[in-house]
């Protein structure tokens, strides 16, 4: 399967500290569940425990193949301090062929039971 035939996603999660976010991003990329992770500060306003919450968080955007979302989600959930960590996968409608081929290549070692990327 070529990069243009695969489905790609950007998976987003957040963490309460930069240190935790960077550690999680490194672990995910190290496991080859994502080719790239971007970590940056955000301000989150959300409903939790019966009230509006307002907190600084660190967002992590992970570039990966759609077939890895379930494994990536389990990996994140097992290492996250939040009771209900955010995990949202947004499909990539298009992108540079070279970049998408790179994402496919860099996550191919995570194929495991799902088979190789190409």
N, C-alpha and C. Protein backbone atom coordinates (compact mmCIF):
# COMPACT_ATOMS: atom_id res chain seq x y z
N UNK A 1 0.85 -1.18 0.00
CA UNK A 1 0.00 0.00 0.00
C UNK A 1 0.89 1.23 0.00
N UNK A 2 0.65 2.13 -0.88
CA UNK A 2 1.45 3.35 -0.96
C UNK A 2 0.92 4.39 0.03
N UNK A 3 1.74 5.41 0.28
CA UNK A 3 1.34 6.46 1.22
C UNK A 3 0.05 7.13 0.77
N UNK A 4 -0.13 7.32 -0.53
CA UNK A 4 -1.34 8.00 -1.01
C UNK A 4 -2.59 7.13 -0.84
N UNK A 5 -2.43 5.82 -0.70
CA UNK A 5 -3.58 4.93 -0.51
C UNK A 5 -3.93 4.74 0.96
N UNK A 6 -3.05 5.14 1.86
CA UNK A 6 -3.29 4.96 3.28
C UNK A 6 -4.11 6.12 3.83
N UNK A 7 -4.69 5.87 4.96
CA UNK A 7 -5.40 6.93 5.67
C UNK A 7 -4.52 7.41 6.81
N UNK A 8 -4.41 8.70 6.95
CA UNK A 8 -3.60 9.30 8.00
C UNK A 8 -4.49 10.12 8.91
N UNK A 9 -4.05 10.30 10.16
CA UNK A 9 -4.80 11.08 11.13
C UNK A 9 -3.83 11.92 11.96
N UNK A 10 -4.37 12.96 12.56
CA UNK A 10 -3.67 13.69 13.61
C UNK A 10 -4.45 13.40 14.89
N UNK A 11 -3.76 12.83 15.85
CA UNK A 11 -4.37 12.48 17.13
C UNK A 11 -3.95 13.53 18.15
N UNK A 12 -4.93 14.07 18.86
CA UNK A 12 -4.67 15.11 19.85
C UNK A 12 -4.98 14.60 21.24
N UNK A 13 -4.09 14.95 22.16
CA UNK A 13 -4.33 14.73 23.58
C UNK A 13 -3.74 15.93 24.32
N UNK A 14 -4.01 16.06 25.59
CA UNK A 14 -3.45 17.14 26.39
C UNK A 14 -2.87 16.57 27.67
N UNK A 15 -2.02 17.36 28.31
CA UNK A 15 -1.44 16.98 29.60
C UNK A 15 -1.34 18.22 30.46
N UNK A 16 -1.24 18.02 31.76
CA UNK A 16 -1.24 19.15 32.67
C UNK A 16 0.10 19.87 32.77
N UNK A 17 1.19 19.22 32.39
CA UNK A 17 2.49 19.87 32.47
C UNK A 17 3.30 19.63 31.20
N UNK A 18 4.20 20.56 30.93
CA UNK A 18 5.06 20.41 29.76
C UNK A 18 5.93 19.17 29.87
N UNK A 19 6.47 18.93 31.04
CA UNK A 19 7.33 17.75 31.25
C UNK A 19 6.58 16.46 30.94
N UNK A 20 5.35 16.32 31.44
CA UNK A 20 4.55 15.12 31.17
C UNK A 20 4.20 15.01 29.69
N UNK A 21 3.87 16.13 29.08
CA UNK A 21 3.51 16.13 27.66
C UNK A 21 4.70 15.71 26.81
N UNK A 22 5.87 16.26 27.09
CA UNK A 22 7.06 15.90 26.32
C UNK A 22 7.44 14.43 26.53
N UNK A 23 7.29 13.95 27.75
CA UNK A 23 7.61 12.55 28.03
C UNK A 23 6.66 11.63 27.27
N UNK A 24 5.39 11.95 27.27
CA UNK A 24 4.41 11.14 26.56
C UNK A 24 4.67 11.19 25.05
N UNK A 25 4.94 12.37 24.53
CA UNK A 25 5.23 12.52 23.10
C UNK A 25 6.44 11.68 22.71
N UNK A 26 7.49 11.74 23.50
CA UNK A 26 8.70 10.95 23.22
C UNK A 26 8.42 9.46 23.27
N UNK A 27 7.63 9.04 24.23
CA UNK A 27 7.30 7.61 24.36
C UNK A 27 6.51 7.13 23.15
N UNK A 28 5.54 7.91 22.72
CA UNK A 28 4.71 7.53 21.56
C UNK A 28 5.57 7.42 20.30
N UNK A 29 6.40 8.42 20.07
CA UNK A 29 7.26 8.40 18.88
C UNK A 29 8.28 7.27 19.00
N UNK A 30 8.81 7.05 20.19
CA UNK A 30 9.77 5.97 20.41
C UNK A 30 9.19 4.60 20.13
N UNK A 31 7.90 4.43 20.38
CA UNK A 31 7.21 3.17 20.10
C UNK A 31 6.79 3.07 18.64
N UNK A 32 7.05 4.11 17.87
CA UNK A 32 6.72 4.19 16.44
C UNK A 32 5.21 4.20 16.21
N UNK A 33 4.44 4.66 17.22
CA UNK A 33 3.00 4.80 17.08
C UNK A 33 2.63 6.11 16.42
N UNK A 34 3.58 7.02 16.33
CA UNK A 34 3.43 8.28 15.60
C UNK A 34 4.79 8.65 15.04
N UNK A 35 4.80 9.32 13.91
CA UNK A 35 6.06 9.74 13.30
C UNK A 35 6.56 11.04 13.90
N UNK A 36 5.64 11.83 14.40
CA UNK A 36 5.97 13.17 14.86
C UNK A 36 4.97 13.58 15.95
N UNK A 37 5.46 14.35 16.90
CA UNK A 37 4.60 14.90 17.94
C UNK A 37 4.95 16.37 18.12
N UNK A 38 3.94 17.20 18.18
CA UNK A 38 4.15 18.62 18.46
C UNK A 38 3.52 18.91 19.82
N UNK A 39 4.27 19.60 20.66
CA UNK A 39 3.84 19.91 22.02
C UNK A 39 3.81 21.43 22.17
N UNK A 40 2.66 21.96 22.61
CA UNK A 40 2.57 23.41 22.78
C UNK A 40 1.51 23.75 23.82
N UNK A 41 1.66 24.94 24.47
CA UNK A 41 0.72 25.33 25.52
C UNK A 41 -0.62 25.77 24.94
N UNK A 42 -1.68 25.44 25.67
CA UNK A 42 -3.03 25.86 25.32
C UNK A 42 -3.77 26.24 26.61
N UNK A 43 -4.87 26.91 26.44
CA UNK A 43 -5.77 27.22 27.56
C UNK A 43 -7.04 26.46 27.29
N UNK A 44 -7.47 25.62 28.22
CA UNK A 44 -8.68 24.81 28.05
C UNK A 44 -9.77 25.27 29.00
N UNK A 45 -10.96 25.44 28.45
CA UNK A 45 -12.16 25.75 29.23
C UNK A 45 -13.12 24.61 28.97
N UNK A 46 -13.55 23.93 30.03
CA UNK A 46 -14.35 22.72 29.86
C UNK A 46 -15.22 22.47 31.09
N UNK A 47 -16.23 21.65 30.90
CA UNK A 47 -17.13 21.27 31.99
C UNK A 47 -16.61 20.00 32.63
N UNK A 48 -16.39 20.01 33.95
CA UNK A 48 -15.91 18.83 34.66
C UNK A 48 -16.29 18.94 36.11
N UNK A 49 -16.72 17.86 36.70
CA UNK A 49 -17.11 17.82 38.12
C UNK A 49 -18.17 18.87 38.45
N UNK A 50 -19.14 19.05 37.53
CA UNK A 50 -20.27 19.92 37.79
C UNK A 50 -20.02 21.40 37.67
N UNK A 51 -18.89 21.79 37.09
CA UNK A 51 -18.59 23.21 36.98
C UNK A 51 -17.69 23.47 35.76
N UNK A 52 -17.68 24.73 35.35
CA UNK A 52 -16.78 25.14 34.28
C UNK A 52 -15.37 25.22 34.86
N UNK A 53 -14.44 24.58 34.19
CA UNK A 53 -13.04 24.59 34.58
C UNK A 53 -12.25 25.44 33.58
N UNK A 54 -11.19 26.04 34.03
CA UNK A 54 -10.31 26.84 33.17
C UNK A 54 -8.89 26.52 33.59
N UNK A 55 -8.12 25.91 32.68
CA UNK A 55 -6.79 25.46 33.06
C UNK A 55 -5.81 25.56 31.91
N UNK A 56 -4.58 25.81 32.25
CA UNK A 56 -3.50 25.73 31.28
C UNK A 56 -3.14 24.27 31.08
N UNK A 57 -2.95 23.88 29.84
CA UNK A 57 -2.57 22.50 29.53
C UNK A 57 -1.52 22.53 28.42
N UNK A 58 -0.99 21.36 28.13
CA UNK A 58 -0.04 21.18 27.03
C UNK A 58 -0.65 20.23 26.04
N UNK A 59 -0.84 20.71 24.83
CA UNK A 59 -1.46 19.92 23.77
C UNK A 59 -0.38 19.14 23.02
N UNK A 60 -0.72 17.92 22.67
CA UNK A 60 0.17 17.07 21.88
C UNK A 60 -0.59 16.65 20.64
N UNK A 61 -0.04 17.00 19.47
CA UNK A 61 -0.59 16.55 18.19
C UNK A 61 0.34 15.49 17.64
N UNK A 62 -0.21 14.32 17.37
CA UNK A 62 0.55 13.16 16.92
C UNK A 62 0.16 12.81 15.50
N UNK A 63 1.12 12.73 14.58
CA UNK A 63 0.86 12.37 13.19
C UNK A 63 1.09 10.89 13.01
N UNK A 64 0.06 10.18 12.52
CA UNK A 64 0.16 8.73 12.42
C UNK A 64 -0.77 8.18 11.35
N UNK A 65 -0.76 6.87 11.23
CA UNK A 65 -1.67 6.17 10.31
C UNK A 65 -2.95 5.83 11.07
N UNK A 66 -4.08 5.89 10.39
CA UNK A 66 -5.37 5.63 11.02
C UNK A 66 -5.43 4.25 11.66
N UNK A 67 -4.79 3.28 11.06
CA UNK A 67 -4.85 1.92 11.61
C UNK A 67 -4.17 1.79 12.97
N UNK A 68 -3.41 2.78 13.38
CA UNK A 68 -2.73 2.73 14.68
C UNK A 68 -3.48 3.44 15.79
N UNK A 69 -4.62 4.05 15.49
CA UNK A 69 -5.33 4.85 16.49
C UNK A 69 -5.69 4.05 17.73
N UNK A 70 -6.21 2.85 17.59
CA UNK A 70 -6.60 2.07 18.77
C UNK A 70 -5.39 1.74 19.65
N UNK A 71 -4.30 1.33 19.03
CA UNK A 71 -3.08 1.02 19.79
C UNK A 71 -2.51 2.27 20.44
N UNK A 72 -2.52 3.37 19.70
CA UNK A 72 -2.04 4.64 20.24
C UNK A 72 -2.90 5.07 21.42
N UNK A 73 -4.21 4.95 21.29
CA UNK A 73 -5.12 5.30 22.38
C UNK A 73 -4.87 4.48 23.63
N UNK A 74 -4.68 3.19 23.48
CA UNK A 74 -4.40 2.33 24.63
C UNK A 74 -3.06 2.70 25.27
N UNK A 75 -2.08 3.01 24.44
CA UNK A 75 -0.76 3.41 24.94
C UNK A 75 -0.87 4.69 25.75
N UNK A 76 -1.56 5.68 25.21
CA UNK A 76 -1.74 6.96 25.91
C UNK A 76 -2.52 6.75 27.21
N UNK A 77 -3.62 6.03 27.15
CA UNK A 77 -4.45 5.82 28.34
C UNK A 77 -3.67 5.14 29.46
N UNK A 78 -2.80 4.22 29.10
CA UNK A 78 -2.02 3.50 30.11
C UNK A 78 -0.93 4.32 30.76
N UNK A 79 -0.62 5.49 30.21
CA UNK A 79 0.47 6.32 30.72
C UNK A 79 0.02 7.72 31.12
N UNK A 80 -1.27 7.95 31.15
CA UNK A 80 -1.79 9.30 31.38
C UNK A 80 -2.27 9.46 32.81
N UNK A 81 -2.09 10.66 33.35
CA UNK A 81 -2.53 10.93 34.72
C UNK A 81 -3.99 11.36 34.82
N UNK A 82 -4.61 11.76 33.70
CA UNK A 82 -6.00 12.20 33.73
C UNK A 82 -6.93 11.00 33.88
N UNK A 83 -8.02 11.20 34.60
CA UNK A 83 -9.06 10.16 34.72
C UNK A 83 -9.65 9.84 33.35
N UNK A 84 -9.90 10.87 32.57
CA UNK A 84 -10.45 10.71 31.22
C UNK A 84 -9.61 11.55 30.25
N UNK A 85 -8.50 11.00 29.78
CA UNK A 85 -7.66 11.80 28.88
C UNK A 85 -8.33 12.05 27.53
N UNK A 86 -8.11 13.23 27.01
CA UNK A 86 -8.58 13.55 25.65
C UNK A 86 -7.82 12.68 24.67
N UNK A 87 -8.54 12.14 23.72
CA UNK A 87 -7.92 11.43 22.61
C UNK A 87 -8.87 11.57 21.42
N UNK A 88 -8.50 12.46 20.50
CA UNK A 88 -9.33 12.73 19.34
C UNK A 88 -8.49 12.55 18.09
N UNK A 89 -8.99 11.74 17.16
CA UNK A 89 -8.29 11.52 15.89
C UNK A 89 -9.05 12.24 14.78
N UNK A 90 -8.35 13.10 14.08
CA UNK A 90 -8.94 13.87 12.98
C UNK A 90 -8.30 13.37 11.68
N UNK A 91 -9.12 12.98 10.71
CA UNK A 91 -8.56 12.49 9.46
C UNK A 91 -7.82 13.58 8.69
N UNK A 92 -6.77 13.18 8.03
CA UNK A 92 -6.01 14.07 7.16
C UNK A 92 -6.61 13.92 5.76
N UNK A 93 -7.13 15.01 5.22
CA UNK A 93 -7.78 14.97 3.90
C UNK A 93 -6.75 14.94 2.78
N UNK A 94 -5.58 15.44 3.03
CA UNK A 94 -4.53 15.46 2.03
C UNK A 94 -3.25 15.98 2.64
N UNK A 95 -2.20 15.94 1.86
CA UNK A 95 -0.91 16.41 2.35
C UNK A 95 0.15 16.18 1.31
N UNK A 96 1.33 16.64 1.61
CA UNK A 96 2.42 16.46 0.66
C UNK A 96 2.76 14.97 0.59
N UNK A 97 2.86 14.43 -0.61
CA UNK A 97 3.15 13.00 -0.76
C UNK A 97 4.42 12.57 -0.03
N UNK A 98 5.44 13.40 -0.07
CA UNK A 98 6.69 13.05 0.61
C UNK A 98 6.52 12.97 2.11
N UNK A 99 5.78 13.93 2.69
CA UNK A 99 5.56 13.93 4.14
C UNK A 99 4.73 12.72 4.56
N UNK A 100 3.66 12.44 3.83
CA UNK A 100 2.82 11.30 4.17
C UNK A 100 3.58 9.98 4.01
N UNK A 101 4.44 9.90 3.02
CA UNK A 101 5.27 8.69 2.86
C UNK A 101 6.20 8.55 4.06
N UNK A 102 6.73 9.68 4.54
CA UNK A 102 7.59 9.66 5.72
C UNK A 102 6.82 9.18 6.95
N UNK A 103 5.59 9.69 7.15
CA UNK A 103 4.77 9.23 8.29
C UNK A 103 4.55 7.72 8.19
N UNK A 104 4.22 7.24 7.01
CA UNK A 104 4.01 5.79 6.82
C UNK A 104 5.28 5.01 7.15
N UNK A 105 6.40 5.48 6.66
CA UNK A 105 7.67 4.78 6.90
C UNK A 105 8.04 4.77 8.37
N UNK A 106 7.91 5.91 9.02
CA UNK A 106 8.33 6.02 10.42
C UNK A 106 7.41 5.30 11.39
N UNK A 107 6.23 4.94 10.96
CA UNK A 107 5.31 4.19 11.83
C UNK A 107 5.19 2.73 11.40
N UNK A 108 5.95 2.34 10.39
CA UNK A 108 5.82 0.96 9.89
C UNK A 108 6.29 -0.08 10.89
N UNK A 109 7.24 0.28 11.78
CA UNK A 109 7.69 -0.68 12.79
C UNK A 109 6.63 -0.95 13.84
N UNK A 110 5.61 -0.10 13.93
CA UNK A 110 4.53 -0.31 14.89
C UNK A 110 3.42 -1.16 14.32
N UNK A 111 3.61 -1.65 13.09
CA UNK A 111 2.56 -2.41 12.42
C UNK A 111 2.16 -3.65 13.19
N UNK A 112 3.12 -4.31 13.82
CA UNK A 112 2.80 -5.49 14.63
C UNK A 112 1.87 -6.44 13.93
N UNK A 113 0.75 -6.71 14.56
CA UNK A 113 -0.22 -7.67 14.05
C UNK A 113 -0.97 -7.14 12.83
N UNK A 114 -0.91 -5.83 12.59
CA UNK A 114 -1.66 -5.27 11.47
C UNK A 114 -0.91 -5.36 10.17
N UNK A 115 0.37 -5.73 10.18
CA UNK A 115 1.14 -5.89 8.97
C UNK A 115 1.93 -4.64 8.64
N UNK A 116 2.84 -4.72 7.68
CA UNK A 116 3.68 -3.59 7.34
C UNK A 116 2.90 -2.47 6.66
N UNK A 117 3.50 -1.27 6.65
CA UNK A 117 2.85 -0.10 6.06
C UNK A 117 2.78 -0.20 4.55
N UNK A 118 3.77 -0.76 3.92
CA UNK A 118 3.81 -0.85 2.47
C UNK A 118 3.79 -2.28 2.01
